[in-house]
Amino acid sequence: MNKSYEFIIESRREDIDFINKIVEAYEGAGVVRTLDPLKGIISVISTYDFKDFMRDILIDLGKKWVKLEIIEEGIWKGKL
């Protein structure tokens, strides 16, 4: 299955850039899009094959480094 998978995340505004840099470091595993910079809402779009790997990265980030809560996840609806 080659569908894209999306995580909607709530974080702090000041953590968005750090989260983006970490996701970018895992080349090809995901792409970060800022949905609402004032509220700290971002989207991480990954492939379906990498969804579990990306979820683990995000959970680890939230436990150790930044405020991060996955508030929704599922098949990407195609909205950028």
N, C-alpha and C. Protein backbone atom coordinates (compact mmCIF):
# COMPACT_ATOMS: atom_id res chain seq x y z
N MET A 1 0.85 -1.19 0.00
CA MET A 1 0.00 0.00 0.00
C MET A 1 0.89 1.24 0.00
N ASN A 2 0.70 2.14 -0.93
CA ASN A 2 1.52 3.34 -1.06
C ASN A 2 0.78 4.61 -0.68
N LYS A 3 -0.25 4.49 0.10
CA LYS A 3 -0.99 5.70 0.50
C LYS A 3 -0.17 6.50 1.50
N SER A 4 -0.46 7.78 1.55
CA SER A 4 0.19 8.63 2.55
C SER A 4 -0.61 8.61 3.84
N TYR A 5 0.08 8.83 4.92
CA TYR A 5 -0.50 8.78 6.26
C TYR A 5 -0.17 10.10 6.94
N GLU A 6 -1.11 10.60 7.75
CA GLU A 6 -0.93 11.93 8.35
C GLU A 6 -1.14 11.90 9.86
N PHE A 7 -0.28 12.64 10.53
CA PHE A 7 -0.42 12.88 11.97
C PHE A 7 -0.71 14.37 12.16
N ILE A 8 -1.79 14.69 12.86
CA ILE A 8 -2.07 16.08 13.23
C ILE A 8 -1.58 16.22 14.67
N ILE A 9 -0.75 17.23 14.88
CA ILE A 9 -0.05 17.38 16.16
C ILE A 9 -0.31 18.75 16.74
N GLU A 10 -0.48 18.77 18.04
CA GLU A 10 -0.53 20.04 18.77
C GLU A 10 0.77 20.17 19.55
N SER A 11 1.40 21.32 19.40
CA SER A 11 2.67 21.60 20.06
C SER A 11 2.70 23.06 20.47
N ARG A 12 3.85 23.52 20.90
CA ARG A 12 4.04 24.95 21.15
C ARG A 12 4.63 25.58 19.90
N ARG A 13 4.27 26.81 19.67
CA ARG A 13 4.79 27.53 18.50
C ARG A 13 6.31 27.44 18.42
N GLU A 14 6.96 27.62 19.56
CA GLU A 14 8.42 27.64 19.57
C GLU A 14 9.04 26.27 19.31
N ASP A 15 8.25 25.20 19.33
CA ASP A 15 8.77 23.85 19.08
C ASP A 15 8.61 23.40 17.63
N ILE A 16 7.85 24.13 16.83
CA ILE A 16 7.56 23.70 15.46
C ILE A 16 8.83 23.54 14.63
N ASP A 17 9.73 24.50 14.70
CA ASP A 17 10.95 24.43 13.89
C ASP A 17 11.81 23.23 14.30
N PHE A 18 11.92 22.97 15.58
CA PHE A 18 12.70 21.83 16.06
C PHE A 18 12.09 20.52 15.57
N ILE A 19 10.78 20.38 15.68
CA ILE A 19 10.10 19.17 15.21
C ILE A 19 10.36 19.00 13.71
N ASN A 20 10.24 20.09 12.95
CA ASN A 20 10.50 20.04 11.52
C ASN A 20 11.91 19.55 11.22
N LYS A 21 12.89 20.08 11.93
CA LYS A 21 14.28 19.69 11.69
C LYS A 21 14.52 18.21 12.01
N ILE A 22 13.90 17.71 13.06
CA ILE A 22 14.07 16.30 13.41
C ILE A 22 13.44 15.42 12.34
N VAL A 23 12.23 15.75 11.91
CA VAL A 23 11.56 14.95 10.86
C VAL A 23 12.38 15.01 9.57
N GLU A 24 12.90 16.18 9.22
CA GLU A 24 13.72 16.31 8.01
C GLU A 24 14.99 15.46 8.10
N ALA A 25 15.52 15.28 9.30
CA ALA A 25 16.74 14.49 9.48
C ALA A 25 16.53 13.03 9.08
N TYR A 26 15.32 12.55 9.19
CA TYR A 26 14.98 11.19 8.75
C TYR A 26 14.52 11.28 7.30
N GLU A 27 15.44 11.53 6.41
CA GLU A 27 15.16 11.83 5.01
C GLU A 27 14.15 10.86 4.41
N GLY A 28 13.06 11.42 3.91
CA GLY A 28 12.05 10.63 3.24
C GLY A 28 11.00 10.00 4.14
N ALA A 29 11.17 10.11 5.45
CA ALA A 29 10.22 9.48 6.38
C ALA A 29 8.98 10.32 6.60
N GLY A 30 9.09 11.63 6.41
CA GLY A 30 7.93 12.49 6.63
C GLY A 30 8.19 13.93 6.23
N VAL A 31 7.09 14.66 6.08
CA VAL A 31 7.13 16.07 5.72
C VAL A 31 6.24 16.83 6.70
N VAL A 32 6.74 17.94 7.22
CA VAL A 32 5.99 18.74 8.19
C VAL A 32 5.33 19.92 7.47
N ARG A 33 4.07 20.14 7.78
CA ARG A 33 3.32 21.30 7.29
C ARG A 33 2.71 21.99 8.49
N THR A 34 2.85 23.30 8.57
CA THR A 34 2.25 24.07 9.66
C THR A 34 0.82 24.42 9.25
N LEU A 35 -0.14 23.99 10.05
CA LEU A 35 -1.54 24.27 9.77
C LEU A 35 -2.01 25.54 10.46
N ASP A 36 -1.59 25.74 11.71
CA ASP A 36 -1.96 26.94 12.47
C ASP A 36 -0.79 27.31 13.37
N PRO A 37 0.08 28.23 12.92
CA PRO A 37 1.27 28.55 13.70
C PRO A 37 0.96 29.18 15.06
N LEU A 38 -0.12 29.91 15.17
CA LEU A 38 -0.45 30.54 16.45
C LEU A 38 -0.86 29.52 17.50
N LYS A 39 -1.55 28.48 17.08
CA LYS A 39 -1.99 27.43 18.00
C LYS A 39 -1.01 26.27 18.09
N GLY A 40 0.02 26.28 17.25
CA GLY A 40 1.00 25.20 17.27
C GLY A 40 0.48 23.90 16.67
N ILE A 41 -0.41 24.00 15.69
CA ILE A 41 -0.97 22.82 15.04
C ILE A 41 -0.18 22.54 13.76
N ILE A 42 0.39 21.34 13.69
CA ILE A 42 1.14 20.95 12.50
C ILE A 42 0.66 19.59 12.00
N SER A 43 1.03 19.32 10.78
CA SER A 43 0.74 18.04 10.15
C SER A 43 2.06 17.40 9.76
N VAL A 44 2.20 16.11 10.04
CA VAL A 44 3.34 15.35 9.56
C VAL A 44 2.78 14.30 8.61
N ILE A 45 3.18 14.40 7.35
CA ILE A 45 2.70 13.47 6.33
C ILE A 45 3.83 12.48 6.05
N SER A 46 3.48 11.21 6.13
CA SER A 46 4.43 10.12 5.93
C SER A 46 3.83 9.12 4.95
N THR A 47 4.60 8.15 4.56
CA THR A 47 4.02 7.06 3.77
C THR A 47 3.37 6.07 4.74
N TYR A 48 2.45 5.31 4.21
CA TYR A 48 1.78 4.31 5.04
C TYR A 48 2.80 3.32 5.60
N ASP A 49 3.82 2.99 4.81
CA ASP A 49 4.84 2.03 5.26
C ASP A 49 5.69 2.57 6.41
N PHE A 50 5.83 3.89 6.51
CA PHE A 50 6.64 4.51 7.56
C PHE A 50 5.82 5.03 8.74
N LYS A 51 4.50 4.80 8.74
CA LYS A 51 3.65 5.41 9.77
C LYS A 51 4.04 4.99 11.19
N ASP A 52 4.34 3.72 11.40
CA ASP A 52 4.70 3.26 12.75
C ASP A 52 6.04 3.84 13.19
N PHE A 53 6.99 3.90 12.27
CA PHE A 53 8.29 4.51 12.54
C PHE A 53 8.13 5.98 12.91
N MET A 54 7.32 6.71 12.12
CA MET A 54 7.11 8.13 12.39
C MET A 54 6.38 8.33 13.71
N ARG A 55 5.38 7.49 14.00
CA ARG A 55 4.67 7.60 15.28
C ARG A 55 5.66 7.45 16.44
N ASP A 56 6.56 6.48 16.35
CA ASP A 56 7.56 6.27 17.40
C ASP A 56 8.46 7.49 17.58
N ILE A 57 8.87 8.10 16.47
CA ILE A 57 9.70 9.30 16.53
C ILE A 57 8.94 10.43 17.24
N LEU A 58 7.70 10.63 16.84
CA LEU A 58 6.90 11.72 17.42
C LEU A 58 6.64 11.50 18.91
N ILE A 59 6.32 10.27 19.28
CA ILE A 59 6.08 9.97 20.69
C ILE A 59 7.35 10.21 21.50
N ASP A 60 8.49 9.77 20.97
CA ASP A 60 9.76 9.99 21.67
C ASP A 60 10.07 11.47 21.81
N LEU A 61 9.84 12.24 20.75
CA LEU A 61 10.04 13.70 20.83
C LEU A 61 9.18 14.30 21.95
N GLY A 62 7.93 13.87 22.01
CA GLY A 62 7.00 14.40 23.01
C GLY A 62 7.36 14.01 24.44
N LYS A 63 7.98 12.87 24.61
CA LYS A 63 8.36 12.41 25.95
C LYS A 63 9.62 13.10 26.46
N LYS A 64 10.54 13.41 25.53
CA LYS A 64 11.87 13.84 25.97
C LYS A 64 12.24 15.28 25.63
N TRP A 65 11.66 15.85 24.56
CA TRP A 65 12.23 17.09 24.05
C TRP A 65 11.27 18.27 23.93
N VAL A 66 10.04 18.03 23.50
CA VAL A 66 9.11 19.13 23.23
C VAL A 66 7.72 18.77 23.73
N LYS A 67 6.85 19.76 23.77
CA LYS A 67 5.43 19.48 24.02
C LYS A 67 4.86 19.03 22.68
N LEU A 68 4.36 17.81 22.65
CA LEU A 68 3.85 17.27 21.40
C LEU A 68 2.76 16.26 21.73
N GLU A 69 1.59 16.50 21.17
CA GLU A 69 0.48 15.56 21.34
C GLU A 69 -0.11 15.26 19.96
N ILE A 70 -0.18 13.97 19.64
CA ILE A 70 -0.85 13.56 18.41
C ILE A 70 -2.34 13.64 18.68
N ILE A 71 -3.03 14.57 18.00
CA ILE A 71 -4.46 14.75 18.27
C ILE A 71 -5.35 14.05 17.24
N GLU A 72 -4.73 13.64 16.12
CA GLU A 72 -5.48 12.92 15.10
C GLU A 72 -4.47 12.23 14.19
N GLU A 73 -4.83 11.06 13.68
CA GLU A 73 -3.99 10.41 12.69
C GLU A 73 -4.84 9.52 11.80
N GLY A 74 -4.34 9.31 10.59
CA GLY A 74 -5.05 8.46 9.65
C GLY A 74 -4.56 8.69 8.23
N ILE A 75 -5.22 8.04 7.29
CA ILE A 75 -4.86 8.20 5.89
C ILE A 75 -4.95 9.68 5.53
N TRP A 76 -3.91 10.17 4.86
CA TRP A 76 -3.85 11.57 4.45
C TRP A 76 -5.00 11.88 3.51
N LYS A 77 -5.67 12.99 3.78
CA LYS A 77 -6.85 13.40 2.99
C LYS A 77 -6.47 14.24 1.77
N GLY A 78 -5.17 14.47 1.59
CA GLY A 78 -4.72 15.19 0.40
C GLY A 78 -4.70 16.69 0.53
N LYS A 79 -4.87 17.23 1.72
CA LYS A 79 -4.87 18.68 1.93
C LYS A 79 -3.50 19.12 2.43
N LEU A 80 -2.92 20.12 1.75
CA LEU A 80 -1.63 20.67 2.19
C LEU A 80 -1.79 21.92 2.96
